PDB file of N, CA and C in Angstrom:
ATOM      1  N   UNK A   1      48.112  87.989  31.550  1.00  0.00           N
ATOM      2  CA  UNK A   1      47.488  86.698  31.751  1.00  0.00           C
ATOM      3  C   UNK A   1      47.382  85.993  30.399  1.00  0.00           C
ATOM      4  N   UNK A   2      47.701  84.744  30.397  1.00  0.00           N
ATOM      5  CA  UNK A   2      47.670  83.948  29.174  1.00  0.00           C
ATOM      6  C   UNK A   2      46.309  83.280  29.019  1.00  0.00           C
ATOM      7  N   UNK A   3      45.788  83.354  27.846  1.00  0.00           N
ATOM      8  CA  UNK A   3      44.527  82.665  27.575  1.00  0.00           C
ATOM      9  C   UNK A   3      44.801  81.308  26.956  1.00  0.00           C
ATOM     10  N   UNK A   4      44.058  80.351  27.348  1.00  0.00           N
ATOM     11  CA  UNK A   4      44.215  79.005  26.810  1.00  0.00           C
ATOM     12  C   UNK A   4      42.988  78.683  25.963  1.00  0.00           C
ATOM     13  N   UNK A   5      43.259  78.271  24.758  1.00  0.00           N
ATOM     14  CA  UNK A   5      42.184  77.888  23.854  1.00  0.00           C
ATOM     15  C   UNK A   5      42.280  76.387  23.617  1.00  0.00           C
ATOM     16  N   UNK A   6      41.208  75.713  23.863  1.00  0.00           N
ATOM     17  CA  UNK A   6      41.168  74.270  23.637  1.00  0.00           C
ATOM     18  C   UNK A   6      40.260  74.013  22.441  1.00  0.00           C
ATOM     19  N   UNK A   7      40.845  73.420  21.437  1.00  0.00           N
ATOM     20  CA  UNK A   7      40.070  73.056  20.258  1.00  0.00           C
ATOM     21  C   UNK A   7      39.691  71.589  20.362  1.00  0.00           C
ATOM     22  N   UNK A   8      38.434  71.350  20.282  1.00  0.00           N
ATOM     23  CA  UNK A   8      37.952  69.972  20.362  1.00  0.00           C
ATOM     24  C   UNK A   8      37.585  69.510  18.961  1.00  0.00           C
ATOM     25  N   UNK A   9      38.248  68.460  18.530  1.00  0.00           N
ATOM     26  CA  UNK A   9      37.962  67.909  17.210  1.00  0.00           C
ATOM     27  C   UNK A   9      36.858  66.879  17.347  1.00  0.00           C
ATOM     28  N   UNK A  10      35.755  67.166  16.703  1.00  0.00           N
ATOM     29  CA  UNK A  10      34.631  66.233  16.742  1.00  0.00           C
ATOM     30  C   UNK A  10      34.618  65.435  15.456  1.00  0.00           C
ATOM     31  N   UNK A  11      34.581  64.149  15.605  1.00  0.00           N
ATOM     32  CA  UNK A  11      34.484  63.290  14.435  1.00  0.00           C
ATOM     33  C   UNK A  11      33.030  62.864  14.293  1.00  0.00           C
ATOM     34  N   UNK A  12      32.471  63.241  13.176  1.00  0.00           N
ATOM     35  CA  UNK A  12      31.085  62.883  12.917  1.00  0.00           C
ATOM     36  C   UNK A  12      31.049  61.555  12.175  1.00  0.00           C
ATOM     37  N   UNK A  13      30.417  60.601  12.782  1.00  0.00           N
ATOM     38  CA  UNK A  13      30.284  59.300  12.138  1.00  0.00           C
ATOM     39  C   UNK A  13      29.119  59.378  11.155  1.00  0.00           C
ATOM     40  N   UNK A  14      29.410  59.089   9.923  1.00  0.00           N
ATOM     41  CA  UNK A  14      28.375  59.131   8.894  1.00  0.00           C
ATOM     42  C   UNK A  14      27.385  57.992   9.103  1.00  0.00           C
ATOM     43  N   UNK A  15      26.180  58.235   8.709  1.00  0.00           N
ATOM     44  CA  UNK A  15      25.141  57.212   8.795  1.00  0.00           C
ATOM     45  C   UNK A  15      25.320  56.250   7.623  1.00  0.00           C
ATOM     46  N   UNK A  16      25.265  54.961   7.929  1.00  0.00           N
ATOM     47  CA  UNK A  16      25.343  53.949   6.870  1.00  0.00           C
ATOM     48  C   UNK A  16      23.922  53.536   6.518  1.00  0.00           C
ATOM     49  N   UNK A  17      23.595  53.705   5.251  1.00  0.00           N
ATOM     50  CA  UNK A  17      22.264  53.352   4.784  1.00  0.00           C
ATOM     51  C   UNK A  17      22.401  52.647   3.444  1.00  0.00           C
ATOM     52  N   UNK A  18      21.580  51.629   3.243  1.00  0.00           N
ATOM     53  CA  UNK A  18      21.594  50.886   1.988  1.00  0.00           C
ATOM     54  C   UNK A  18      20.166  50.794   1.476  1.00  0.00           C
ATOM     55  N   UNK A  19      19.960  51.255   0.256  1.00  0.00           N
ATOM     56  CA  UNK A  19      18.645  51.162  -0.369  1.00  0.00           C
ATOM     57  C   UNK A  19      18.809  50.409  -1.680  1.00  0.00           C
ATOM     58  N   UNK A  20      18.047  49.340  -1.839  1.00  0.00           N
ATOM     59  CA  UNK A  20      18.138  48.500  -3.029  1.00  0.00           C
ATOM     60  C   UNK A  20      16.757  48.423  -3.675  1.00  0.00           C
ATOM     61  N   UNK A  21      16.691  48.729  -4.969  1.00  0.00           N
ATOM     62  CA  UNK A  21      15.429  48.722  -5.699  1.00  0.00           C
ATOM     63  C   UNK A  21      15.434  47.584  -6.712  1.00  0.00           C
ATOM     64  N   UNK A  22      14.495  46.658  -6.537  1.00  0.00           N
ATOM     65  CA  UNK A  22      14.315  45.529  -7.462  1.00  0.00           C
ATOM     66  C   UNK A  22      15.600  44.740  -7.717  1.00  0.00           C
ATOM     67  N   UNK A  23      16.486  44.707  -6.738  1.00  0.00           N
ATOM     68  CA  UNK A  23      17.761  43.991  -6.852  1.00  0.00           C
ATOM     69  C   UNK A  23      18.598  44.480  -8.030  1.00  0.00           C
ATOM     70  N   UNK A  24      18.300  45.653  -8.576  1.00  0.00           N
ATOM     71  CA  UNK A  24      18.997  46.154  -9.762  1.00  0.00           C
ATOM     72  C   UNK A  24      19.754  47.456  -9.507  1.00  0.00           C
ATOM     73  N   UNK A  25      19.222  48.330  -8.673  1.00  0.00           N
ATOM     74  CA  UNK A  25      19.847  49.626  -8.417  1.00  0.00           C
ATOM     75  C   UNK A  25      19.990  49.815  -6.920  1.00  0.00           C
ATOM     76  N   UNK A  26      21.183  50.245  -6.497  1.00  0.00           N
ATOM     77  CA  UNK A  26      21.422  50.446  -5.084  1.00  0.00           C
ATOM     78  C   UNK A  26      22.079  51.779  -4.797  1.00  0.00           C
ATOM     79  N   UNK A  27      21.738  52.327  -3.645  1.00  0.00           N
ATOM     80  CA  UNK A  27      22.338  53.562  -3.164  1.00  0.00           C
ATOM     81  C   UNK A  27      22.844  53.289  -1.753  1.00  0.00           C
ATOM     82  N   UNK A  28      24.124  53.561  -1.508  1.00  0.00           N
ATOM     83  CA  UNK A  28      24.744  53.226  -0.229  1.00  0.00           C
ATOM     84  C   UNK A  28      25.430  54.471   0.318  1.00  0.00           C
ATOM     85  N   UNK A  29      25.171  54.795   1.593  1.00  0.00           N
ATOM     86  CA  UNK A  29      25.839  55.917   2.248  1.00  0.00           C
ATOM     87  C   UNK A  29      26.710  55.386   3.383  1.00  0.00           C
ATOM     88  N   UNK A  30      27.570  56.246   3.895  1.00  0.00           N
ATOM     89  CA  UNK A  30      28.486  55.826   4.952  1.00  0.00           C
ATOM     90  C   UNK A  30      29.629  54.992   4.408  1.00  0.00           C
ATOM     91  N   UNK A  31      29.981  55.202   3.137  1.00  0.00           N
ATOM     92  CA  UNK A  31      31.047  54.443   2.478  1.00  0.00           C
ATOM     93  C   UNK A  31      32.362  55.201   2.626  1.00  0.00           C
ATOM     94  N   UNK A  32      33.329  54.564   3.275  1.00  0.00           N
ATOM     95  CA  UNK A  32      34.643  55.179   3.476  1.00  0.00           C
ATOM     96  C   UNK A  32      35.575  54.944   2.298  1.00  0.00           C
ATOM     97  N   UNK A  33      35.465  53.776   1.663  1.00  0.00           N
ATOM     98  CA  UNK A  33      36.380  53.430   0.581  1.00  0.00           C
ATOM     99  C   UNK A  33      35.790  52.289  -0.247  1.00  0.00           C
ATOM    100  N   UNK A  34      36.240  52.208  -1.480  1.00  0.00           N
ATOM    101  CA  UNK A  34      35.914  51.075  -2.349  1.00  0.00           C
ATOM    102  C   UNK A  34      37.178  50.237  -2.440  1.00  0.00           C
ATOM    103  N   UNK A  35      37.144  49.011  -1.905  1.00  0.00           N
ATOM    104  CA  UNK A  35      38.326  48.145  -1.933  1.00  0.00           C
ATOM    105  C   UNK A  35      38.554  47.574  -3.319  1.00  0.00           C
ATOM    106  N   UNK A  36      37.490  47.078  -3.929  1.00  0.00           N
ATOM    107  CA  UNK A  36      37.611  46.483  -5.258  1.00  0.00           C
ATOM    108  C   UNK A  36      36.221  46.332  -5.850  1.00  0.00           C
ATOM    109  N   UNK A  37      36.190  46.191  -7.167  1.00  0.00           N
ATOM    110  CA  UNK A  37      34.920  45.870  -7.809  1.00  0.00           C
ATOM    111  C   UNK A  37      35.175  45.255  -9.174  1.00  0.00           C
ATOM    112  N   UNK A  38      34.302  44.340  -9.526  1.00  0.00           N
ATOM    113  CA  UNK A  38      34.263  43.773 -10.870  1.00  0.00           C
ATOM    114  C   UNK A  38      32.806  43.402 -11.145  1.00  0.00           C
ATOM    115  N   UNK A  39      32.545  42.680 -12.203  1.00  0.00           N
ATOM    116  CA  UNK A  39      31.165  42.373 -12.585  1.00  0.00           C
ATOM    117  C   UNK A  39      30.462  41.415 -11.634  1.00  0.00           C
ATOM    118  N   UNK A  40      31.225  40.715 -10.786  1.00  0.00           N
ATOM    119  CA  UNK A  40      30.620  39.732  -9.885  1.00  0.00           C
ATOM    120  C   UNK A  40      30.639  40.145  -8.415  1.00  0.00           C
ATOM    121  N   UNK A  41      31.487  41.127  -8.044  1.00  0.00           N
ATOM    122  CA  UNK A  41      31.592  41.496  -6.630  1.00  0.00           C
ATOM    123  C   UNK A  41      32.077  42.931  -6.465  1.00  0.00           C
ATOM    124  N   UNK A  42      31.452  43.638  -5.520  1.00  0.00           N
ATOM    125  CA  UNK A  42      31.889  44.975  -5.126  1.00  0.00           C
ATOM    126  C   UNK A  42      32.191  44.909  -3.639  1.00  0.00           C
ATOM    127  N   UNK A  43      33.383  45.356  -3.241  1.00  0.00           N
ATOM    128  CA  UNK A  43      33.800  45.347  -1.842  1.00  0.00           C
ATOM    129  C   UNK A  43      33.950  46.787  -1.363  1.00  0.00           C
ATOM    130  N   UNK A  44      33.157  47.147  -0.339  1.00  0.00           N
ATOM    131  CA  UNK A  44      33.133  48.508   0.185  1.00  0.00           C
ATOM    132  C   UNK A  44      33.498  48.524   1.661  1.00  0.00           C
ATOM    133  N   UNK A  45      34.258  49.529   2.085  1.00  0.00           N
ATOM    134  CA  UNK A  45      34.508  49.765   3.503  1.00  0.00           C
ATOM    135  C   UNK A  45      33.475  50.794   3.941  1.00  0.00           C
ATOM    136  N   UNK A  46      32.590  50.388   4.865  1.00  0.00           N
ATOM    137  CA  UNK A  46      31.522  51.273   5.323  1.00  0.00           C
ATOM    138  C   UNK A  46      31.661  51.542   6.816  1.00  0.00           C
ATOM    139  N   UNK A  47      30.835  52.437   7.312  1.00  0.00           N
ATOM    140  CA  UNK A  47      30.796  52.729   8.747  1.00  0.00           C
ATOM    141  C   UNK A  47      30.377  51.499   9.545  1.00  0.00           C
ATOM    142  N   UNK A  48      29.709  50.542   8.904  1.00  0.00           N
ATOM    143  CA  UNK A  48      29.217  49.340   9.582  1.00  0.00           C
ATOM    144  C   UNK A  48      30.114  48.130   9.356  1.00  0.00           C
ATOM    145  N   UNK A  49      31.261  48.317   8.714  1.00  0.00           N
ATOM    146  CA  UNK A  49      32.165  47.208   8.420  1.00  0.00           C
ATOM    147  C   UNK A  49      32.321  47.037   6.919  1.00  0.00           C
ATOM    148  N   UNK A  50      32.938  45.951   6.528  1.00  0.00           N
ATOM    149  CA  UNK A  50      33.145  45.682   5.105  1.00  0.00           C
ATOM    150  C   UNK A  50      31.867  45.080   4.530  1.00  0.00           C
ATOM    151  N   UNK A  51      31.430  45.619   3.413  1.00  0.00           N
ATOM    152  CA  UNK A  51      30.225  45.145   2.741  1.00  0.00           C
ATOM    153  C   UNK A  51      30.617  44.537   1.402  1.00  0.00           C
ATOM    154  N   UNK A  52      30.262  43.262   1.216  1.00  0.00           N
ATOM    155  CA  UNK A  52      30.470  42.584  -0.066  1.00  0.00           C
ATOM    156  C   UNK A  52      29.123  42.480  -0.769  1.00  0.00           C
ATOM    157  N   UNK A  53      29.059  43.037  -1.959  1.00  0.00           N
ATOM    158  CA  UNK A  53      27.866  42.935  -2.792  1.00  0.00           C
ATOM    159  C   UNK A  53      28.211  41.955  -3.902  1.00  0.00           C
ATOM    160  N   UNK A  54      27.449  40.872  -3.988  1.00  0.00           N
ATOM    161  CA  UNK A  54      27.717  39.856  -5.008  1.00  0.00           C
ATOM    162  C   UNK A  54      26.550  39.788  -5.974  1.00  0.00           C
ATOM    163  N   UNK A  55      26.872  39.508  -7.243  1.00  0.00           N
ATOM    164  CA  UNK A  55      25.820  39.420  -8.239  1.00  0.00           C
ATOM    165  C   UNK A  55      26.378  39.262  -9.634  1.00  0.00           C
ATOM    166  N   UNK A  56      25.633  39.774 -10.604  1.00  0.00           N
ATOM    167  CA  UNK A  56      26.014  39.686 -12.014  1.00  0.00           C
ATOM    168  C   UNK A  56      25.936  41.069 -12.649  1.00  0.00           C
ATOM    169  N   UNK A  57      26.862  41.326 -13.564  1.00  0.00           N
ATOM    170  CA  UNK A  57      26.912  42.601 -14.290  1.00  0.00           C
ATOM    171  C   UNK A  57      26.922  43.798 -13.340  1.00  0.00           C
ATOM    172  N   UNK A  58      27.615  43.664 -12.205  1.00  0.00           N
ATOM    173  CA  UNK A  58      27.673  44.748 -11.222  1.00  0.00           C
ATOM    174  C   UNK A  58      28.580  45.864 -11.718  1.00  0.00           C
ATOM    175  N   UNK A  59      28.206  47.087 -11.394  1.00  0.00           N
ATOM    176  CA  UNK A  59      29.029  48.235 -11.739  1.00  0.00           C
ATOM    177  C   UNK A  59      28.729  49.390 -10.785  1.00  0.00           C
ATOM    178  N   UNK A  60      29.712  50.244 -10.595  1.00  0.00           N
ATOM    179  CA  UNK A  60      29.559  51.449  -9.785  1.00  0.00           C
ATOM    180  C   UNK A  60      29.119  52.558 -10.734  1.00  0.00           C
ATOM    181  N   UNK A  61      27.929  53.114 -10.487  1.00  0.00           N
ATOM    182  CA  UNK A  61      27.413  54.157 -11.374  1.00  0.00           C
ATOM    183  C   UNK A  61      27.760  55.553 -10.883  1.00  0.00           C
ATOM    184  N   UNK A  62      27.967  55.706  -9.570  1.00  0.00           N
ATOM    185  CA  UNK A  62      28.349  57.003  -9.007  1.00  0.00           C
ATOM    186  C   UNK A  62      29.160  56.765  -7.749  1.00  0.00           C
ATOM    187  N   UNK A  63      30.241  57.520  -7.612  1.00  0.00           N
ATOM    188  CA  UNK A  63      31.106  57.407  -6.437  1.00  0.00           C
ATOM    189  C   UNK A  63      31.460  58.807  -5.968  1.00  0.00           C
ATOM    190  N   UNK A  64      31.117  59.126  -4.710  1.00  0.00           N
ATOM    191  CA  UNK A  64      31.465  60.410  -4.107  1.00  0.00           C
ATOM    192  C   UNK A  64      31.962  60.128  -2.693  1.00  0.00           C
ATOM    193  N   UNK A  65      33.278  59.934  -2.548  1.00  0.00           N
ATOM    194  CA  UNK A  65      33.830  59.584  -1.240  1.00  0.00           C
ATOM    195  C   UNK A  65      33.819  60.767  -0.278  1.00  0.00           C
ATOM    196  N   UNK A  66      33.776  61.996  -0.802  1.00  0.00           N
ATOM    197  CA  UNK A  66      33.656  63.158   0.084  1.00  0.00           C
ATOM    198  C   UNK A  66      32.342  63.108   0.838  1.00  0.00           C
ATOM    199  N   UNK A  67      31.277  62.746   0.140  1.00  0.00           N
ATOM    200  CA  UNK A  67      29.955  62.615   0.763  1.00  0.00           C
ATOM    201  C   UNK A  67      29.718  61.208   1.289  1.00  0.00           C
ATOM    202  N   UNK A  68      30.659  60.307   1.058  1.00  0.00           N
ATOM    203  CA  UNK A  68      30.583  58.901   1.460  1.00  0.00           C
ATOM    204  C   UNK A  68      29.378  58.195   0.832  1.00  0.00           C
ATOM    205  N   UNK A  69      29.190  58.407  -0.474  1.00  0.00           N
ATOM    206  CA  UNK A  69      28.051  57.827  -1.187  1.00  0.00           C
ATOM    207  C   UNK A  69      28.508  57.024  -2.401  1.00  0.00           C
ATOM    208  N   UNK A  70      27.831  55.909  -2.638  1.00  0.00           N
ATOM    209  CA  UNK A  70      28.088  55.073  -3.807  1.00  0.00           C
ATOM    210  C   UNK A  70      26.742  54.598  -4.353  1.00  0.00           C
ATOM    211  N   UNK A  71      26.597  54.658  -5.660  1.00  0.00           N
ATOM    212  CA  UNK A  71      25.441  54.068  -6.331  1.00  0.00           C
ATOM    213  C   UNK A  71      25.943  52.906  -7.173  1.00  0.00           C
ATOM    214  N   UNK A  72      25.192  51.815  -7.157  1.00  0.00           N
ATOM    215  CA  UNK A  72      25.591  50.633  -7.917  1.00  0.00           C
ATOM    216  C   UNK A  72      24.444  50.178  -8.810  1.00  0.00           C
ATOM    217  N   UNK A  73      24.790  49.396  -9.837  1.00  0.00           N
ATOM    218  CA  UNK A  73      23.799  48.815 -10.724  1.00  0.00           C
ATOM    219  C   UNK A  73      24.178  47.382 -11.043  1.00  0.00           C
ATOM    220  N   UNK A  74      23.235  46.644 -11.614  1.00  0.00           N
ATOM    221  CA  UNK A  74      23.449  45.237 -11.926  1.00  0.00           C
ATOM    222  C   UNK A  74      22.469  44.378 -11.152  1.00  0.00           C
ATOM    223  N   UNK A  75      22.586  43.067 -11.281  1.00  0.00           N
ATOM    224  CA  UNK A  75      21.703  42.148 -10.550  1.00  0.00           C
ATOM    225  C   UNK A  75      22.385  41.732  -9.252  1.00  0.00           C
ATOM    226  N   UNK A  76      21.818  42.139  -8.125  1.00  0.00           N
ATOM    227  CA  UNK A  76      22.386  41.824  -6.816  1.00  0.00           C
ATOM    228  C   UNK A  76      21.836  40.488  -6.337  1.00  0.00           C
ATOM    229  N   UNK A  77      22.747  39.562  -6.019  1.00  0.00           N
ATOM    230  CA  UNK A  77      22.354  38.252  -5.499  1.00  0.00           C
ATOM    231  C   UNK A  77      22.486  38.167  -3.984  1.00  0.00           C
ATOM    232  N   UNK A  78      23.500  38.858  -3.414  1.00  0.00           N
ATOM    233  CA  UNK A  78      23.677  38.790  -1.962  1.00  0.00           C
ATOM    234  C   UNK A  78      24.431  40.008  -1.447  1.00  0.00           C
ATOM    235  N   UNK A  79      24.192  40.289  -0.163  1.00  0.00           N
ATOM    236  CA  UNK A  79      24.886  41.339   0.572  1.00  0.00           C
ATOM    237  C   UNK A  79      25.466  40.686   1.815  1.00  0.00           C
ATOM    238  N   UNK A  80      26.752  40.896   2.069  1.00  0.00           N
ATOM    239  CA  UNK A  80      27.408  40.256   3.204  1.00  0.00           C
ATOM    240  C   UNK A  80      28.260  41.279   3.933  1.00  0.00           C
ATOM    241  N   UNK A  81      28.020  41.417   5.245  1.00  0.00           N
ATOM    242  CA  UNK A  81      28.828  42.309   6.072  1.00  0.00           C
ATOM    243  C   UNK A  81      29.834  41.495   6.864  1.00  0.00           C
ATOM    244  N   UNK A  82      31.017  42.065   7.049  1.00  0.00           N
ATOM    245  CA  UNK A  82      32.007  41.480   7.949  1.00  0.00           C
ATOM    246  C   UNK A  82      32.639  42.615   8.732  1.00  0.00           C
ATOM    247  N   UNK A  83      33.175  42.283   9.894  1.00  0.00           N
ATOM    248  CA  UNK A  83      33.805  43.305  10.724  1.00  0.00           C
ATOM    249  C   UNK A  83      35.147  43.685  10.146  1.00  0.00           C
ATOM    250  N   UNK A  84      35.609  44.846  10.520  1.00  0.00           N
ATOM    251  CA  UNK A  84      36.897  45.329  10.046  1.00  0.00           C
ATOM    252  C   UNK A  84      36.693  46.412   9.022  1.00  0.00           C
ATOM    253  N   UNK A  85      37.579  47.405   9.070  1.00  0.00           N
ATOM    254  CA  UNK A  85      37.448  48.516   8.142  1.00  0.00           C
ATOM    255  C   UNK A  85      38.768  48.856   7.484  1.00  0.00           C
ATOM    256  N   UNK A  86      39.744  47.942   7.561  1.00  0.00           N
ATOM    257  CA  UNK A  86      41.040  48.236   6.959  1.00  0.00           C
ATOM    258  C   UNK A  86      41.149  47.581   5.601  1.00  0.00           C
ATOM    259  N   UNK A  87      41.977  48.172   4.778  1.00  0.00           N
ATOM    260  CA  UNK A  87      42.205  47.612   3.448  1.00  0.00           C
ATOM    261  C   UNK A  87      43.001  46.324   3.554  1.00  0.00           C
ATOM    262  N   UNK A  88      42.907  45.532   2.549  1.00  0.00           N
ATOM    263  CA  UNK A  88      43.661  44.283   2.491  1.00  0.00           C
ATOM    264  C   UNK A  88      45.147  44.577   2.506  1.00  0.00           C
ATOM    265  N   UNK A  89      45.886  43.747   3.202  1.00  0.00           N
ATOM    266  CA  UNK A  89      47.332  43.913   3.280  1.00  0.00           C
ATOM    267  C   UNK A  89      47.972  43.481   1.979  1.00  0.00           C
ATOM    268  N   UNK A  90      48.876  44.303   1.488  1.00  0.00           N
ATOM    269  CA  UNK A  90      49.649  43.936   0.310  1.00  0.00           C
ATOM    270  C   UNK A  90      48.815  43.664  -0.923  1.00  0.00           C
ATOM    271  N   UNK A  91      47.629  44.286  -1.005  1.00  0.00           N
ATOM    272  CA  UNK A  91      46.800  44.110  -2.180  1.00  0.00           C
ATOM    273  C   UNK A  91      46.035  42.799  -2.218  1.00  0.00           C
ATOM    274  N   UNK A  92      46.038  42.044  -1.115  1.00  0.00           N
ATOM    275  CA  UNK A  92      45.297  40.791  -1.078  1.00  0.00           C
ATOM    276  C   UNK A  92      43.808  41.078  -1.173  1.00  0.00           C
ATOM    277  N   UNK A  93      43.082  40.189  -1.774  1.00  0.00           N
ATOM    278  CA  UNK A  93      41.647  40.338  -1.861  1.00  0.00           C
ATOM    279  C   UNK A  93      40.981  40.021  -0.534  1.00  0.00           C
ATOM    280  N   UNK A  94      39.778  40.514  -0.382  1.00  0.00           N
ATOM    281  CA  UNK A  94      39.028  40.310   0.848  1.00  0.00           C
ATOM    282  C   UNK A  94      38.777  38.830   1.089  1.00  0.00           C
ATOM    283  N   UNK A  95      38.379  38.097   0.072  1.00  0.00           N
ATOM    284  CA  UNK A  95      38.084  36.676   0.256  1.00  0.00           C
ATOM    285  C   UNK A  95      39.315  35.896   0.686  1.00  0.00           C
ATOM    286  N   UNK A  96      40.483  36.234   0.152  1.00  0.00           N
ATOM    287  CA  UNK A  96      41.711  35.539   0.536  1.00  0.00           C
ATOM    288  C   UNK A  96      41.989  35.736   2.024  1.00  0.00           C
ATOM    289  N   UNK A  97      41.764  36.966   2.523  1.00  0.00           N
ATOM    290  CA  UNK A  97      41.989  37.225   3.947  1.00  0.00           C
ATOM    291  C   UNK A  97      40.981  36.484   4.813  1.00  0.00           C
ATOM    292  N   UNK A  98      39.741  36.372   4.349  1.00  0.00           N
ATOM    293  CA  UNK A  98      38.714  35.697   5.133  1.00  0.00           C
ATOM    294  C   UNK A  98      38.992  34.209   5.293  1.00  0.00           C
ATOM    295  N   UNK A  99      39.637  33.582   4.299  1.00  0.00           N
ATOM    296  CA  UNK A  99      39.863  32.142   4.326  1.00  0.00           C
ATOM    297  C   UNK A  99      41.276  31.753   4.728  1.00  0.00           C
ATOM    298  N   UNK A 100      42.028  32.661   5.332  1.00  0.00           N
ATOM    299  CA  UNK A 100      43.385  32.325   5.792  1.00  0.00           C
ATOM    300  C   UNK A 100      43.342  31.521   7.067  1.00  0.00           C
TER     301      UNK A 100
END
């Protein structure tokens, strides 16, 4: 008699959490990828969609994509979520795709 083994692959969706302290230090979980970052904008692909962090003197202080965690620093002026979790086509920036 042949035994049949069925392996069920469970995909665990990471929890997306954002903690911001005094608009200067942030800790974000559920981060799948970092699309781009510079001193004025950080673009992250999260479990909740694309997150744009805008501000001044922004920088990524810690990045652990295995744990899906990112820490940021700088002065945060705004946080903006948009739907979609794919990278920009052909290296296009997120803003260029939004205004097409």
